[in-house]
Each structure stands twice: as structure tokens, then as C-alpha cells.
N, C-alpha and C. Protein backbone atom coordinates (compact mmCIF):
# COMPACT_ATOMS: atom_id res chain seq x y z
N MET A 1 40.84 13.90 49.30
CA MET A 1 39.83 13.51 48.34
C MET A 1 38.52 13.32 49.08
N THR A 2 37.49 13.84 48.52
CA THR A 2 36.18 13.68 49.16
C THR A 2 35.57 12.34 48.78
N GLU A 3 34.55 11.99 49.51
CA GLU A 3 33.85 10.72 49.26
C GLU A 3 33.24 10.71 47.86
N ASN A 4 32.75 11.84 47.40
CA ASN A 4 32.16 11.95 46.06
C ASN A 4 33.21 11.70 44.98
N GLN A 5 34.41 12.25 45.15
CA GLN A 5 35.48 12.04 44.18
C GLN A 5 35.93 10.58 44.16
N LYS A 6 35.97 9.95 45.33
CA LYS A 6 36.34 8.54 45.40
C LYS A 6 35.32 7.68 44.67
N ASN A 7 34.05 8.00 44.85
CA ASN A 7 33.00 7.24 44.16
C ASN A 7 33.07 7.43 42.65
N GLN A 8 33.37 8.66 42.21
CA GLN A 8 33.51 8.93 40.78
C GLN A 8 34.71 8.18 40.20
N ASN A 9 35.81 8.17 40.94
CA ASN A 9 37.00 7.44 40.47
C ASN A 9 36.73 5.94 40.40
N LEU A 10 36.03 5.41 41.42
CA LEU A 10 35.70 3.99 41.42
C LEU A 10 34.76 3.66 40.26
N GLU A 11 33.79 4.52 40.01
CA GLU A 11 32.86 4.30 38.90
C GLU A 11 33.58 4.33 37.56
N LYS A 12 34.50 5.28 37.40
CA LYS A 12 35.29 5.37 36.16
C LYS A 12 36.16 4.11 36.01
N TYR A 13 36.76 3.65 37.09
CA TYR A 13 37.58 2.45 37.08
C TYR A 13 36.75 1.23 36.66
N LEU A 14 35.57 1.09 37.21
CA LEU A 14 34.69 -0.04 36.88
C LEU A 14 34.24 0.02 35.42
N GLN A 15 33.99 1.22 34.91
CA GLN A 15 33.63 1.36 33.49
C GLN A 15 34.79 0.97 32.59
N ASP A 16 36.00 1.36 32.99
CA ASP A 16 37.18 0.99 32.20
C ASP A 16 37.37 -0.52 32.18
N ILE A 17 37.20 -1.17 33.31
CA ILE A 17 37.32 -2.63 33.38
C ILE A 17 36.26 -3.29 32.51
N GLU A 18 35.06 -2.78 32.53
CA GLU A 18 33.98 -3.34 31.70
C GLU A 18 34.31 -3.18 30.22
N THR A 19 34.87 -2.03 29.84
CA THR A 19 35.26 -1.80 28.45
C THR A 19 36.35 -2.79 28.02
N ILE A 20 37.34 -3.00 28.88
CA ILE A 20 38.41 -3.93 28.57
C ILE A 20 37.87 -5.35 28.44
N LYS A 21 36.99 -5.75 29.32
CA LYS A 21 36.39 -7.09 29.24
C LYS A 21 35.61 -7.26 27.95
N ASP A 22 34.87 -6.22 27.54
CA ASP A 22 34.11 -6.30 26.28
C ASP A 22 35.04 -6.44 25.08
N LEU A 23 36.14 -5.68 25.09
CA LEU A 23 37.09 -5.77 23.99
C LEU A 23 37.73 -7.16 23.92
N LEU A 24 38.12 -7.70 25.06
CA LEU A 24 38.71 -9.04 25.08
C LEU A 24 37.72 -10.11 24.63
N ALA A 25 36.47 -9.97 25.03
CA ALA A 25 35.45 -10.93 24.60
C ALA A 25 35.23 -10.85 23.09
N GLU A 26 35.28 -9.64 22.55
CA GLU A 26 35.12 -9.45 21.09
C GLU A 26 36.26 -10.10 20.33
N VAL A 27 37.48 -9.95 20.82
CA VAL A 27 38.66 -10.52 20.16
C VAL A 27 38.62 -12.04 20.24
N ASP A 28 38.16 -12.59 21.35
CA ASP A 28 38.08 -14.05 21.51
C ASP A 28 37.09 -14.69 20.55
N LYS A 29 36.13 -13.94 20.05
CA LYS A 29 35.13 -14.49 19.13
C LYS A 29 35.70 -14.74 17.74
N ARG A 30 36.71 -13.96 17.36
CA ARG A 30 37.29 -14.09 16.02
C ARG A 30 38.39 -15.14 16.00
N PRO A 31 38.47 -15.93 14.93
CA PRO A 31 39.56 -16.92 14.84
C PRO A 31 40.89 -16.23 14.56
N LEU A 32 41.96 -16.90 14.95
CA LEU A 32 43.29 -16.35 14.72
C LEU A 32 43.59 -16.30 13.22
N TYR A 33 43.26 -17.37 12.52
CA TYR A 33 43.42 -17.44 11.07
C TYR A 33 42.07 -17.81 10.46
N GLU A 34 41.78 -17.22 9.35
CA GLU A 34 40.55 -17.55 8.64
C GLU A 34 40.70 -18.91 7.97
N PRO A 35 39.64 -19.71 7.91
CA PRO A 35 39.73 -21.06 7.32
C PRO A 35 40.15 -21.06 5.85
N TRP A 36 39.78 -20.04 5.09
CA TRP A 36 40.10 -20.04 3.67
C TRP A 36 41.61 -20.00 3.45
N ALA A 37 42.38 -19.46 4.39
CA ALA A 37 43.83 -19.40 4.22
C ALA A 37 44.45 -20.80 4.19
N PHE A 38 43.92 -21.71 5.00
CA PHE A 38 44.44 -23.08 4.99
C PHE A 38 44.10 -23.78 3.68
N TYR A 39 42.90 -23.55 3.15
CA TYR A 39 42.54 -24.14 1.87
C TYR A 39 43.40 -23.57 0.74
N ALA A 40 43.66 -22.27 0.80
CA ALA A 40 44.49 -21.64 -0.24
C ALA A 40 45.91 -22.21 -0.20
N TRP A 41 46.49 -22.33 1.00
CA TRP A 41 47.83 -22.90 1.10
C TRP A 41 47.85 -24.36 0.66
N GLY A 42 46.82 -25.11 1.02
CA GLY A 42 46.74 -26.50 0.58
C GLY A 42 46.70 -26.62 -0.93
N GLY A 43 45.93 -25.74 -1.57
CA GLY A 43 45.87 -25.74 -3.03
C GLY A 43 47.21 -25.36 -3.65
N LEU A 44 47.87 -24.36 -3.07
CA LEU A 44 49.18 -23.97 -3.59
C LEU A 44 50.21 -25.09 -3.45
N VAL A 45 50.19 -25.78 -2.32
CA VAL A 45 51.14 -26.88 -2.13
C VAL A 45 50.84 -28.02 -3.10
N ALA A 46 49.57 -28.30 -3.33
CA ALA A 46 49.21 -29.36 -4.28
C ALA A 46 49.65 -28.99 -5.70
N ILE A 47 49.39 -27.76 -6.10
CA ILE A 47 49.80 -27.31 -7.44
C ILE A 47 51.32 -27.30 -7.56
N GLY A 48 52.00 -26.80 -6.52
CA GLY A 48 53.46 -26.79 -6.53
C GLY A 48 54.04 -28.18 -6.60
N SER A 49 53.43 -29.12 -5.90
CA SER A 49 53.91 -30.52 -5.93
C SER A 49 53.74 -31.12 -7.31
N LEU A 50 52.61 -30.85 -7.94
CA LEU A 50 52.37 -31.37 -9.29
C LEU A 50 53.38 -30.78 -10.28
N ILE A 51 53.58 -29.48 -10.20
CA ILE A 51 54.54 -28.85 -11.11
C ILE A 51 55.95 -29.37 -10.84
N HIS A 52 56.31 -29.52 -9.57
CA HIS A 52 57.62 -30.07 -9.22
C HIS A 52 57.80 -31.46 -9.82
N PHE A 53 56.79 -32.29 -9.69
CA PHE A 53 56.84 -33.65 -10.23
C PHE A 53 57.03 -33.62 -11.75
N LEU A 54 56.24 -32.78 -12.43
CA LEU A 54 56.34 -32.71 -13.89
C LEU A 54 57.69 -32.17 -14.35
N VAL A 55 58.19 -31.13 -13.70
CA VAL A 55 59.47 -30.55 -14.07
C VAL A 55 60.60 -31.54 -13.83
N GLU A 56 60.54 -32.25 -12.73
CA GLU A 56 61.59 -33.21 -12.40
C GLU A 56 61.60 -34.38 -13.39
N ARG A 57 60.45 -34.80 -13.85
CA ARG A 57 60.38 -35.92 -14.80
C ARG A 57 60.83 -35.51 -16.20
N ARG A 58 60.51 -34.29 -16.61
CA ARG A 58 60.78 -33.86 -17.98
C ARG A 58 62.18 -33.28 -18.17
N SER A 59 62.77 -32.75 -17.11
CA SER A 59 64.09 -32.13 -17.27
C SER A 59 65.03 -32.66 -16.19
N ASP A 60 66.29 -32.39 -16.41
CA ASP A 60 67.32 -32.87 -15.50
C ASP A 60 67.85 -31.69 -14.69
N LEU A 61 66.96 -30.94 -14.06
CA LEU A 61 67.37 -29.79 -13.27
C LEU A 61 67.77 -30.22 -11.86
N PRO A 62 68.75 -29.55 -11.29
CA PRO A 62 69.08 -29.85 -9.89
C PRO A 62 67.97 -29.34 -8.96
N VAL A 63 67.95 -29.89 -7.76
CA VAL A 63 66.88 -29.55 -6.80
C VAL A 63 66.87 -28.06 -6.48
N GLY A 64 68.04 -27.45 -6.39
CA GLY A 64 68.12 -26.02 -6.08
C GLY A 64 67.45 -25.16 -7.14
N GLU A 65 67.61 -25.55 -8.39
CA GLU A 65 66.99 -24.78 -9.47
C GLU A 65 65.48 -25.01 -9.50
N ILE A 66 65.06 -26.23 -9.20
CA ILE A 66 63.61 -26.50 -9.11
C ILE A 66 63.00 -25.67 -7.98
N PHE A 67 63.72 -25.57 -6.88
CA PHE A 67 63.23 -24.74 -5.78
C PHE A 67 63.04 -23.30 -6.23
N LEU A 68 64.04 -22.76 -6.95
CA LEU A 68 63.95 -21.37 -7.39
C LEU A 68 62.84 -21.15 -8.42
N LYS A 69 62.63 -22.14 -9.28
CA LYS A 69 61.66 -21.97 -10.36
C LYS A 69 60.24 -22.37 -9.98
N VAL A 70 60.08 -23.25 -8.99
CA VAL A 70 58.75 -23.74 -8.63
C VAL A 70 58.33 -23.25 -7.24
N TRP A 71 59.13 -23.60 -6.24
CA TRP A 71 58.69 -23.37 -4.86
C TRP A 71 58.82 -21.92 -4.41
N LEU A 72 59.82 -21.22 -4.88
CA LEU A 72 59.95 -19.82 -4.50
C LEU A 72 58.74 -19.00 -4.96
N PRO A 73 58.28 -19.14 -6.21
CA PRO A 73 57.05 -18.43 -6.59
C PRO A 73 55.82 -18.88 -5.79
N VAL A 74 55.74 -20.17 -5.45
CA VAL A 74 54.61 -20.64 -4.65
C VAL A 74 54.63 -19.99 -3.28
N ILE A 75 55.80 -19.92 -2.65
CA ILE A 75 55.91 -19.30 -1.33
C ILE A 75 55.61 -17.80 -1.40
N LEU A 76 56.12 -17.15 -2.42
CA LEU A 76 55.85 -15.70 -2.56
C LEU A 76 54.36 -15.44 -2.83
N LEU A 77 53.74 -16.27 -3.63
CA LEU A 77 52.31 -16.13 -3.89
C LEU A 77 51.51 -16.38 -2.62
N GLY A 78 51.88 -17.40 -1.87
CA GLY A 78 51.19 -17.70 -0.63
C GLY A 78 51.42 -16.64 0.44
N GLY A 79 52.52 -15.94 0.38
CA GLY A 79 52.79 -14.88 1.35
C GLY A 79 51.87 -13.68 1.19
N ASN A 80 51.19 -13.59 0.06
CA ASN A 80 50.25 -12.49 -0.17
C ASN A 80 48.92 -12.69 0.53
N PHE A 81 48.70 -13.90 1.08
CA PHE A 81 47.44 -14.15 1.78
C PHE A 81 47.56 -13.50 3.11
């Protein structure tokens, strides 16, 4: 390998490292989860809790059936976020 080829390879290597550093810096700027997702889940849990409370007071359903009728739809709806 000539000196010119070594310099070209080193330059290409340094450019690749710079590109990788830029990509990692860009990814670090973004949050892992968006804040609105926590508010949406909080709202779903509050609504689910209210519905659970009302259903439990008005009917004599077992906990398993309340889970299927109240919490399963809440979890499925929240999974769409």
C-alpha cells in the first residue's frame, strides 16, 4: 500500500467515525418516550379506575369479569399509543 492510499483510508475512516458520532448525538437529543404518552396512559388508568369503581358498585360481577370488560379494553386501547 502506498502512502497516498494509507492517507485516503485514514481520511475515510475519520469521516466514518465523524458520521457515527453525529448520528449518536442526534439520537441522544430525542427522548425515549414522548411526554404525551404518559399523560394518555394516566388518563386511561383514571377512566378505567372510575369505570371499575362504578361497575363494581352497581353489579355483583367477579373480578375476572370486570378485568375482561373494563381493563382489557383499556390495555388494548393504550397499546395503540
